[in-house]
Amino acid sequence: MTKIKPLGKRVLIQRSKSETSKGGILLPDSAQEKPKQGIVIAVGTGAMDDHGNFEKPSVQEGDKVLFNSYAGTTVNNQETGEEEYLIMSENDILGVLTQ
């Protein structure tokens, strides 16, 4: 399988699975609202800010994150053809979920 390494302040996220409705009904993919959370799979190296200072990413691999509904670019799994990952700017991440 091909690996993706995000560049700059971008993050690769595997979207969480959501298969049933709140009432327990199994919905087809086309009728489901896509989850707005996922697991960080890979993180870019960071980027320079407006003042020329290097900013490290504020999330790390394995973090469970919440993100904007329309954030990122969908990347399909080459082997299965299914949507599995999102590449997005770190700025589109709203927060890190903790236990």
PDB file of N, CA and C in Angstrom:
ATOM      1  N   MET A   1       0.841  -1.186   0.000  1.00  0.00           N
ATOM      2  CA  MET A   1       0.000   0.000   0.000  1.00  0.00           C
ATOM      3  C   MET A   1       0.886   1.250   0.000  1.00  0.00           C
ATOM      4  N   THR A   2       0.501   2.261  -0.746  1.00  0.00           N
ATOM      5  CA  THR A   2       1.225   3.519  -0.821  1.00  0.00           C
ATOM      6  C   THR A   2       0.993   4.322   0.457  1.00  0.00           C
ATOM      7  N   LYS A   3       2.046   4.920   0.986  1.00  0.00           N
ATOM      8  CA  LYS A   3       1.913   5.759   2.177  1.00  0.00           C
ATOM      9  C   LYS A   3       1.875   7.217   1.759  1.00  0.00           C
ATOM     10  N   ILE A   4       1.164   8.020   2.535  1.00  0.00           N
ATOM     11  CA  ILE A   4       1.056   9.453   2.277  1.00  0.00           C
ATOM     12  C   ILE A   4       1.696  10.194   3.441  1.00  0.00           C
ATOM     13  N   LYS A   5       2.617  11.093   3.140  1.00  0.00           N
ATOM     14  CA  LYS A   5       3.235  11.947   4.152  1.00  0.00           C
ATOM     15  C   LYS A   5       2.781  13.371   3.889  1.00  0.00           C
ATOM     16  N   PRO A   6       1.950  13.942   4.782  1.00  0.00           N
ATOM     17  CA  PRO A   6       1.503  15.323   4.588  1.00  0.00           C
ATOM     18  C   PRO A   6       2.679  16.294   4.637  1.00  0.00           C
ATOM     19  N   LEU A   7       2.542  17.403   3.937  1.00  0.00           N
ATOM     20  CA  LEU A   7       3.574  18.435   3.910  1.00  0.00           C
ATOM     21  C   LEU A   7       3.136  19.645   4.728  1.00  0.00           C
ATOM     22  N   GLY A   8       4.100  20.397   5.230  1.00  0.00           N
ATOM     23  CA  GLY A   8       3.804  21.635   5.954  1.00  0.00           C
ATOM     24  C   GLY A   8       2.923  21.401   7.168  1.00  0.00           C
ATOM     25  N   LYS A   9       1.849  22.190   7.265  1.00  0.00           N
ATOM     26  CA  LYS A   9       0.933  22.096   8.410  1.00  0.00           C
ATOM     27  C   LYS A   9      -0.314  21.289   8.052  1.00  0.00           C
ATOM     28  N   ARG A  10      -0.131  20.271   7.216  1.00  0.00           N
ATOM     29  CA  ARG A  10      -1.252  19.409   6.849  1.00  0.00           C
ATOM     30  C   ARG A  10      -1.217  18.131   7.682  1.00  0.00           C
ATOM     31  N   VAL A  11      -2.402  17.511   7.787  1.00  0.00           N
ATOM     32  CA  VAL A  11      -2.573  16.327   8.612  1.00  0.00           C
ATOM     33  C   VAL A  11      -3.356  15.288   7.816  1.00  0.00           C
ATOM     34  N   LEU A  12      -2.984  14.015   7.942  1.00  0.00           N
ATOM     35  CA  LEU A  12      -3.727  12.911   7.337  1.00  0.00           C
ATOM     36  C   LEU A  12      -4.575  12.279   8.427  1.00  0.00           C
ATOM     37  N   ILE A  13      -5.893  12.217   8.184  1.00  0.00           N
ATOM     38  CA  ILE A  13      -6.834  11.725   9.187  1.00  0.00           C
ATOM     39  C   ILE A  13      -7.647  10.576   8.619  1.00  0.00           C
ATOM     40  N   GLN A  14      -7.827   9.535   9.435  1.00  0.00           N
ATOM     41  CA  GLN A  14      -8.752   8.462   9.077  1.00  0.00           C
ATOM     42  C   GLN A  14     -10.066   8.773   9.775  1.00  0.00           C
ATOM     43  N   ARG A  15     -11.090   9.007   8.959  1.00  0.00           N
ATOM     44  CA  ARG A  15     -12.401   9.369   9.484  1.00  0.00           C
ATOM     45  C   ARG A  15     -12.982   8.201  10.281  1.00  0.00           C
ATOM     46  N   SER A  16     -13.620   8.499  11.422  1.00  0.00           N
ATOM     47  CA  SER A  16     -14.277   7.473  12.225  1.00  0.00           C
ATOM     48  C   SER A  16     -15.441   6.881  11.447  1.00  0.00           C
ATOM     49  N   LYS A  17     -15.739   5.629  11.716  1.00  0.00           N
ATOM     50  CA  LYS A  17     -16.848   4.952  11.038  1.00  0.00           C
ATOM     51  C   LYS A  17     -18.152   5.266  11.756  1.00  0.00           C
ATOM     52  N   SER A  18     -19.221   5.465  10.981  1.00  0.00           N
ATOM     53  CA  SER A  18     -20.564   5.676  11.524  1.00  0.00           C
ATOM     54  C   SER A  18     -21.519   4.853  10.676  1.00  0.00           C
ATOM     55  N   GLU A  19     -22.033   3.762  11.223  1.00  0.00           N
ATOM     56  CA  GLU A  19     -22.802   2.833  10.412  1.00  0.00           C
ATOM     57  C   GLU A  19     -24.288   2.798  10.723  1.00  0.00           C
ATOM     58  N   THR A  20     -24.679   3.141  11.933  1.00  0.00           N
ATOM     59  CA  THR A  20     -26.097   3.061  12.269  1.00  0.00           C
ATOM     60  C   THR A  20     -26.623   4.410  12.720  1.00  0.00           C
ATOM     61  N   SER A  21     -27.919   4.611  12.537  1.00  0.00           N
ATOM     62  CA  SER A  21     -28.547   5.858  12.972  1.00  0.00           C
ATOM     63  C   SER A  21     -28.754   5.807  14.478  1.00  0.00           C
ATOM     64  N   LYS A  22     -29.192   6.914  15.066  1.00  0.00           N
ATOM     65  CA  LYS A  22     -29.452   6.949  16.500  1.00  0.00           C
ATOM     66  C   LYS A  22     -30.540   5.961  16.889  1.00  0.00           C
ATOM     67  N   GLY A  23     -31.465   5.684  15.964  1.00  0.00           N
ATOM     68  CA  GLY A  23     -32.543   4.725  16.216  1.00  0.00           C
ATOM     69  C   GLY A  23     -32.125   3.291  15.965  1.00  0.00           C
ATOM     70  N   GLY A  24     -30.868   3.067  15.574  1.00  0.00           N
ATOM     71  CA  GLY A  24     -30.362   1.728  15.358  1.00  0.00           C
ATOM     72  C   GLY A  24     -30.570   1.196  13.955  1.00  0.00           C
ATOM     73  N   ILE A  25     -31.004   2.043  13.026  1.00  0.00           N
ATOM     74  CA  ILE A  25     -31.250   1.613  11.650  1.00  0.00           C
ATOM     75  C   ILE A  25     -29.955   1.707  10.859  1.00  0.00           C
ATOM     76  N   LEU A  26     -29.643   0.636  10.123  1.00  0.00           N
ATOM     77  CA  LEU A  26     -28.459   0.635   9.268  1.00  0.00           C
ATOM     78  C   LEU A  26     -28.744   1.475   8.040  1.00  0.00           C
ATOM     79  N   LEU A  27     -27.930   2.513   7.806  1.00  0.00           N
ATOM     80  CA  LEU A  27     -28.138   3.432   6.689  1.00  0.00           C
ATOM     81  C   LEU A  27     -27.101   3.195   5.602  1.00  0.00           C
ATOM     82  N   PRO A  28     -27.489   3.337   4.321  1.00  0.00           N
ATOM     83  CA  PRO A  28     -26.489   3.251   3.253  1.00  0.00           C
ATOM     84  C   PRO A  28     -25.548   4.450   3.329  1.00  0.00           C
ATOM     85  N   ASP A  29     -24.340   4.296   2.762  1.00  0.00           N
ATOM     86  CA  ASP A  29     -23.338   5.369   2.815  1.00  0.00           C
ATOM     87  C   ASP A  29     -23.869   6.694   2.298  1.00  0.00           C
ATOM     88  N   SER A  30     -24.681   6.662   1.244  1.00  0.00           N
ATOM     89  CA  SER A  30     -25.173   7.900   0.642  1.00  0.00           C
ATOM     90  C   SER A  30     -26.117   8.663   1.561  1.00  0.00           C
ATOM     91  N   ALA A  31     -26.746   7.991   2.529  1.00  0.00           N
ATOM     92  CA  ALA A  31     -27.701   8.644   3.423  1.00  0.00           C
ATOM     93  C   ALA A  31     -27.078   9.048   4.752  1.00  0.00           C
ATOM     94  N   GLN A  32     -25.866   8.625   5.000  1.00  0.00           N
ATOM     95  CA  GLN A  32     -25.233   8.909   6.280  1.00  0.00           C
ATOM     96  C   GLN A  32     -24.579  10.280   6.292  1.00  0.00           C
ATOM     97  N   GLU A  33     -24.691  10.949   7.426  1.00  0.00           N
ATOM     98  CA  GLU A  33     -23.911  12.171   7.629  1.00  0.00           C
ATOM     99  C   GLU A  33     -22.506  11.716   7.999  1.00  0.00           C
ATOM    100  N   LYS A  34     -21.522  12.251   7.335  1.00  0.00           N
ATOM    101  CA  LYS A  34     -20.151  11.810   7.577  1.00  0.00           C
ATOM    102  C   LYS A  34     -19.690  12.277   8.953  1.00  0.00           C
ATOM    103  N   PRO A  35     -19.013  11.401   9.688  1.00  0.00           N
ATOM    104  CA  PRO A  35     -18.517  11.780  11.011  1.00  0.00           C
ATOM    105  C   PRO A  35     -17.537  12.944  10.913  1.00  0.00           C
ATOM    106  N   LYS A  36     -17.528  13.758  11.932  1.00  0.00           N
ATOM    107  CA  LYS A  36     -16.654  14.929  11.963  1.00  0.00           C
ATOM    108  C   LYS A  36     -15.506  14.705  12.936  1.00  0.00           C
ATOM    109  N   GLN A  37     -15.145  13.452  13.119  1.00  0.00           N
ATOM    110  CA  GLN A  37     -14.006  13.149  13.964  1.00  0.00           C
ATOM    111  C   GLN A  37     -13.238  11.973  13.385  1.00  0.00           C
ATOM    112  N   GLY A  38     -11.998  11.874  13.782  1.00  0.00           N
ATOM    113  CA  GLY A  38     -11.164  10.801  13.273  1.00  0.00           C
ATOM    114  C   GLY A  38      -9.855  10.726  14.026  1.00  0.00           C
ATOM    115  N   ILE A  39      -9.003   9.825  13.547  1.00  0.00           N
ATOM    116  CA  ILE A  39      -7.702   9.586  14.161  1.00  0.00           C
ATOM    117  C   ILE A  39      -6.611  10.144  13.250  1.00  0.00           C
ATOM    118  N   VAL A  40      -5.671  10.874  13.839  1.00  0.00           N
ATOM    119  CA  VAL A  40      -4.539  11.407  13.081  1.00  0.00           C
ATOM    120  C   VAL A  40      -3.606  10.247  12.734  1.00  0.00           C
ATOM    121  N   ILE A  41      -3.377  10.049  11.434  1.00  0.00           N
ATOM    122  CA  ILE A  41      -2.520   8.971  10.945  1.00  0.00           C
ATOM    123  C   ILE A  41      -1.100   9.476  10.684  1.00  0.00           C
ATOM    124  N   ALA A  42      -0.975  10.674  10.142  1.00  0.00           N
ATOM    125  CA  ALA A  42       0.341  11.256   9.851  1.00  0.00           C
ATOM    126  C   ALA A  42       0.253  12.774   9.947  1.00  0.00           C
ATOM    127  N   VAL A  43       1.370  13.398  10.278  1.00  0.00           N
ATOM    128  CA  VAL A  43       1.430  14.847  10.479  1.00  0.00           C
ATOM    129  C   VAL A  43       2.600  15.412   9.679  1.00  0.00           C
ATOM    130  N   GLY A  44       2.377  16.574   9.056  1.00  0.00           N
ATOM    131  CA  GLY A  44       3.457  17.262   8.340  1.00  0.00           C
ATOM    132  C   GLY A  44       4.507  17.772   9.313  1.00  0.00           C
ATOM    133  N   THR A  45       5.569  18.336   8.777  1.00  0.00           N
ATOM    134  CA  THR A  45       6.690  18.775   9.611  1.00  0.00           C
ATOM    135  C   THR A  45       6.474  20.129  10.268  1.00  0.00           C
ATOM    136  N   GLY A  46       5.470  20.884   9.812  1.00  0.00           N
ATOM    137  CA  GLY A  46       5.231  22.223  10.329  1.00  0.00           C
ATOM    138  C   GLY A  46       5.537  23.255   9.262  1.00  0.00           C
ATOM    139  N   ALA A  47       5.417  24.532   9.617  1.00  0.00           N
ATOM    140  CA  ALA A  47       5.639  25.604   8.640  1.00  0.00           C
ATOM    141  C   ALA A  47       6.034  26.890   9.360  1.00  0.00           C
ATOM    142  N   MET A  48       6.487  27.846   8.587  1.00  0.00           N
ATOM    143  CA  MET A  48       6.853  29.159   9.125  1.00  0.00           C
ATOM    144  C   MET A  48       5.598  30.002   9.347  1.00  0.00           C
ATOM    145  N   ASP A  49       5.580  30.763  10.443  1.00  0.00           N
ATOM    146  CA  ASP A  49       4.465  31.682  10.672  1.00  0.00           C
ATOM    147  C   ASP A  49       4.747  33.011   9.965  1.00  0.00           C
ATOM    148  N   ASP A  50       3.880  33.990  10.163  1.00  0.00           N
ATOM    149  CA  ASP A  50       4.006  35.288   9.495  1.00  0.00           C
ATOM    150  C   ASP A  50       5.259  36.067   9.908  1.00  0.00           C
ATOM    151  N   HIS A  51       5.841  35.701  11.050  1.00  0.00           N
ATOM    152  CA  HIS A  51       7.022  36.408  11.557  1.00  0.00           C
ATOM    153  C   HIS A  51       8.316  35.650  11.277  1.00  0.00           C
ATOM    154  N   GLY A  52       8.236  34.566  10.505  1.00  0.00           N
ATOM    155  CA  GLY A  52       9.424  33.796  10.156  1.00  0.00           C
ATOM    156  C   GLY A  52       9.846  32.772  11.185  1.00  0.00           C
ATOM    157  N   ASN A  53       9.000  32.541  12.194  1.00  0.00           N
ATOM    158  CA  ASN A  53       9.302  31.536  13.210  1.00  0.00           C
ATOM    159  C   ASN A  53       8.714  30.191  12.790  1.00  0.00           C
ATOM    160  N   PHE A  54       9.453  29.112  13.031  1.00  0.00           N
ATOM    161  CA  PHE A  54       8.974  27.780  12.678  1.00  0.00           C
ATOM    162  C   PHE A  54       7.959  27.308  13.711  1.00  0.00           C
ATOM    163  N   GLU A  55       6.791  26.865  13.251  1.00  0.00           N
ATOM    164  CA  GLU A  55       5.744  26.337  14.135  1.00  0.00           C
ATOM    165  C   GLU A  55       5.636  24.836  13.943  1.00  0.00           C
ATOM    166  N   LYS A  56       5.813  24.092  15.028  1.00  0.00           N
ATOM    167  CA  LYS A  56       5.619  22.648  14.984  1.00  0.00           C
ATOM    168  C   LYS A  56       4.119  22.354  14.984  1.00  0.00           C
ATOM    169  N   PRO A  57       3.708  21.207  14.465  1.00  0.00           N
ATOM    170  CA  PRO A  57       2.290  20.838  14.508  1.00  0.00           C
ATOM    171  C   PRO A  57       1.819  20.698  15.956  1.00  0.00           C
ATOM    172  N   SER A  58       0.556  21.027  16.206  1.00  0.00           N
ATOM    173  CA  SER A  58       0.026  20.934  17.563  1.00  0.00           C
ATOM    174  C   SER A  58      -0.696  19.618  17.821  1.00  0.00           C
ATOM    175  N   VAL A  59      -0.812  18.765  16.801  1.00  0.00           N
ATOM    176  CA  VAL A  59      -1.381  17.429  16.987  1.00  0.00           C
ATOM    177  C   VAL A  59      -0.305  16.406  16.651  1.00  0.00           C
ATOM    178  N   GLN A  60      -0.519  15.181  17.105  1.00  0.00           N
ATOM    179  CA  GLN A  60       0.442  14.125  16.806  1.00  0.00           C
ATOM    180  C   GLN A  60      -0.280  12.857  16.387  1.00  0.00           C
ATOM    181  N   GLU A  61       0.454  11.939  15.791  1.00  0.00           N
ATOM    182  CA  GLU A  61      -0.127  10.686  15.338  1.00  0.00           C
ATOM    183  C   GLU A  61      -0.826   9.993  16.501  1.00  0.00           C
ATOM    184  N   GLY A  62      -2.029   9.476  16.235  1.00  0.00           N
ATOM    185  CA  GLY A  62      -2.794   8.778  17.256  1.00  0.00           C
ATOM    186  C   GLY A  62      -3.822   9.644  17.957  1.00  0.00           C
ATOM    187  N   ASP A  63      -3.737  10.978  17.833  1.00  0.00           N
ATOM    188  CA  ASP A  63      -4.726  11.866  18.453  1.00  0.00           C
ATOM    189  C   ASP A  63      -6.091  11.659  17.812  1.00  0.00           C
ATOM    190  N   LYS A  64      -7.138  11.670  18.643  1.00  0.00           N
ATOM    191  CA  LYS A  64      -8.511  11.640  18.138  1.00  0.00           C
ATOM    192  C   LYS A  64      -8.970  13.092  18.072  1.00  0.00           C
ATOM    193  N   VAL A  65      -9.365  13.541  16.869  1.00  0.00           N
ATOM    194  CA  VAL A  65      -9.650  14.960  16.667  1.00  0.00           C
ATOM    195  C   VAL A  65     -11.056  15.194  16.139  1.00  0.00           C
ATOM    196  N   LEU A  66     -11.534  16.398  16.370  1.00  0.00           N
ATOM    197  CA  LEU A  66     -12.815  16.886  15.876  1.00  0.00           C
ATOM    198  C   LEU A  66     -12.500  17.950  14.840  1.00  0.00           C
ATOM    199  N   PHE A  67     -13.175  17.893  13.672  1.00  0.00           N
ATOM    200  CA  PHE A  67     -12.856  18.836  12.607  1.00  0.00           C
ATOM    201  C   PHE A  67     -14.114  19.373  11.944  1.00  0.00           C
ATOM    202  N   ASN A  68     -13.951  20.438  11.178  1.00  0.00           N
ATOM    203  CA  ASN A  68     -15.017  21.101  10.446  1.00  0.00           C
ATOM    204  C   ASN A  68     -15.648  20.137   9.437  1.00  0.00           C
ATOM    205  N   SER A  69     -16.962  20.222   9.242  1.00  0.00           N
ATOM    206  CA  SER A  69     -17.698  19.315   8.349  1.00  0.00           C
ATOM    207  C   SER A  69     -17.148  19.270   6.938  1.00  0.00           C
ATOM    208  N   TYR A  70     -16.746  20.404   6.410  1.00  0.00           N
ATOM    209  CA  TYR A  70     -16.321  20.477   5.011  1.00  0.00           C
ATOM    210  C   TYR A  70     -14.806  20.547   4.867  1.00  0.00           C
ATOM    211  N   ALA A  71     -14.096  20.168   5.906  1.00  0.00           N
ATOM    212  CA  ALA A  71     -12.637  20.270   5.899  1.00  0.00           C
ATOM    213  C   ALA A  71     -11.997  19.164   5.074  1.00  0.00           C
ATOM    214  N   GLY A  72     -10.896  19.496   4.467  1.00  0.00           N
ATOM    215  CA  GLY A  72     -10.030  18.500   3.866  1.00  0.00           C
ATOM    216  C   GLY A  72     -10.401  18.007   2.487  1.00  0.00           C
ATOM    217  N   THR A  73      -9.500  17.212   1.962  1.00  0.00           N
ATOM    218  CA  THR A  73      -9.646  16.559   0.668  1.00  0.00           C
ATOM    219  C   THR A  73      -9.696  15.060   0.919  1.00  0.00           C
ATOM    220  N   THR A  74     -10.719  14.404   0.370  1.00  0.00           N
ATOM    221  CA  THR A  74     -10.867  12.968   0.552  1.00  0.00           C
ATOM    222  C   THR A  74      -9.854  12.217  -0.296  1.00  0.00           C
ATOM    223  N   VAL A  75      -9.221  11.229   0.306  1.00  0.00           N
ATOM    224  CA  VAL A  75      -8.268  10.373  -0.393  1.00  0.00           C
ATOM    225  C   VAL A  75      -8.811   8.954  -0.328  1.00  0.00           C
ATOM    226  N   ASN A  76      -8.987   8.333  -1.496  1.00  0.00           N
ATOM    227  CA  ASN A  76      -9.506   6.972  -1.549  1.00  0.00           C
ATOM    228  C   ASN A  76      -8.389   5.958  -1.380  1.00  0.00           C
ATOM    229  N   ASN A  77      -8.734   4.828  -0.787  1.00  0.00           N
ATOM    230  CA  ASN A  77      -7.810   3.711  -0.682  1.00  0.00           C
ATOM    231  C   ASN A  77      -7.630   3.132  -2.076  1.00  0.00           C
ATOM    232  N   GLN A  78      -6.410   3.097  -2.580  1.00  0.00           N
ATOM    233  CA  GLN A  78      -6.129   2.621  -3.935  1.00  0.00           C
ATOM    234  C   GLN A  78      -6.546   1.169  -4.128  1.00  0.00           C
ATOM    235  N   GLU A  79      -6.446   0.356  -3.089  1.00  0.00           N
ATOM    236  CA  GLU A  79      -6.735  -1.069  -3.208  1.00  0.00           C
ATOM    237  C   GLU A  79      -8.225  -1.366  -3.193  1.00  0.00           C
ATOM    238  N   THR A  80      -8.988  -0.688  -2.332  1.00  0.00           N
ATOM    239  CA  THR A  80     -10.419  -0.979  -2.207  1.00  0.00           C
ATOM    240  C   THR A  80     -11.290   0.043  -2.911  1.00  0.00           C
ATOM    241  N   GLY A  81     -10.758   1.232  -3.195  1.00  0.00           N
ATOM    242  CA  GLY A  81     -11.541   2.291  -3.823  1.00  0.00           C
ATOM    243  C   GLY A  81     -12.449   3.027  -2.852  1.00  0.00           C
ATOM    244  N   GLU A  82     -12.425   2.650  -1.585  1.00  0.00           N
ATOM    245  CA  GLU A  82     -13.281   3.282  -0.581  1.00  0.00           C
ATOM    246  C   GLU A  82     -12.632   4.559  -0.036  1.00  0.00           C
ATOM    247  N   GLU A  83     -13.491   5.519   0.349  1.00  0.00           N
ATOM    248  CA  GLU A  83     -12.999   6.732   1.007  1.00  0.00           C
ATOM    249  C   GLU A  83     -12.540   6.344   2.403  1.00  0.00           C
ATOM    250  N   GLU A  84     -11.308   6.622   2.696  1.00  0.00           N
ATOM    251  CA  GLU A  84     -10.821   6.263   4.018  1.00  0.00           C
ATOM    252  C   GLU A  84     -10.128   7.402   4.744  1.00  0.00           C
ATOM    253  N   TYR A  85      -9.513   8.313   3.997  1.00  0.00           N
ATOM    254  CA  TYR A  85      -8.683   9.325   4.633  1.00  0.00           C
ATOM    255  C   TYR A  85      -9.046  10.733   4.177  1.00  0.00           C
ATOM    256  N   LEU A  86      -8.669  11.700   4.995  1.00  0.00           N
ATOM    257  CA  LEU A  86      -8.790  13.116   4.661  1.00  0.00           C
ATOM    258  C   LEU A  86      -7.420  13.752   4.863  1.00  0.00           C
ATOM    259  N   ILE A  87      -7.029  14.609   3.932  1.00  0.00           N
ATOM    260  CA  ILE A  87      -5.853  15.454   4.142  1.00  0.00           C
ATOM    261  C   ILE A  87      -6.389  16.858   4.354  1.00  0.00           C
ATOM    262  N   MET A  88      -6.024  17.460   5.475  1.00  0.00           N
ATOM    263  CA  MET A  88      -6.534  18.800   5.779  1.00  0.00           C
ATOM    264  C   MET A  88      -5.464  19.643   6.443  1.00  0.00           C
ATOM    265  N   SER A  89      -5.703  20.932   6.410  1.00  0.00           N
ATOM    266  CA  SER A  89      -4.846  21.867   7.121  1.00  0.00           C
ATOM    267  C   SER A  89      -5.068  21.681   8.618  1.00  0.00           C
ATOM    268  N   GLU A  90      -4.019  21.823   9.376  1.00  0.00           N
ATOM    269  CA  GLU A  90      -4.144  21.723  10.829  1.00  0.00           C
ATOM    270  C   GLU A  90      -5.129  22.774  11.364  1.00  0.00           C
ATOM    271  N   ASN A  91      -5.283  23.886  10.656  1.00  0.00           N
ATOM    272  CA  ASN A  91      -6.211  24.942  11.075  1.00  0.00           C
ATOM    273  C   ASN A  91      -7.670  24.498  11.029  1.00  0.00           C
ATOM    274  N   ASP A  92      -7.988  23.440  10.253  1.00  0.00           N
ATOM    275  CA  ASP A  92      -9.359  22.937  10.174  1.00  0.00           C
ATOM    276  C   ASP A  92      -9.718  22.020  11.336  1.00  0.00           C
ATOM    277  N   ILE A  93      -8.731  21.659  12.155  1.00  0.00           N
ATOM    278  CA  ILE A  93      -8.991  20.825  13.327  1.00  0.00           C
ATOM    279  C   ILE A  93      -9.488  21.729  14.446  1.00  0.00           C
ATOM    280  N   LEU A  94     -10.658  21.384  14.991  1.00  0.00           N
ATOM    281  CA  LEU A  94     -11.281  22.205  16.029  1.00  0.00           C
ATOM    282  C   LEU A  94     -10.775  21.863  17.425  1.00  0.00           C
ATOM    283  N   GLY A  95     -10.387  20.610  17.629  1.00  0.00           N
ATOM    284  CA  GLY A  95      -9.906  20.219  18.944  1.00  0.00           C
ATOM    285  C   GLY A  95      -9.481  18.768  18.986  1.00  0.00           C
ATOM    286  N   VAL A  96      -8.777  18.414  20.058  1.00  0.00           N
ATOM    287  CA  VAL A  96      -8.351  17.042  20.302  1.00  0.00           C
ATOM    288  C   VAL A  96      -9.266  16.472  21.371  1.00  0.00           C
ATOM    289  N   LEU A  97      -9.826  15.290  21.110  1.00  0.00           N
ATOM    290  CA  LEU A  97     -10.719  14.640  22.065  1.00  0.00           C
ATOM    291  C   LEU A  97      -9.889  13.844  23.063  1.00  0.00           C
ATOM    292  N   THR A  98     -10.175  14.023  24.355  1.00  0.00           N
ATOM    293  CA  THR A  98      -9.464  13.296  25.407  1.00  0.00           C
ATOM    294  C   THR A  98     -10.462  12.518  26.241  1.00  0.00           C
ATOM    295  N   GLN A  99      -9.967  11.562  26.989  1.00  0.00           N
ATOM    296  CA  GLN A  99     -10.840  10.706  27.806  1.00  0.00           C
ATOM    297  C   GLN A  99     -11.098  11.330  29.148  1.00  0.00           C
TER     298      GLN A  99
END
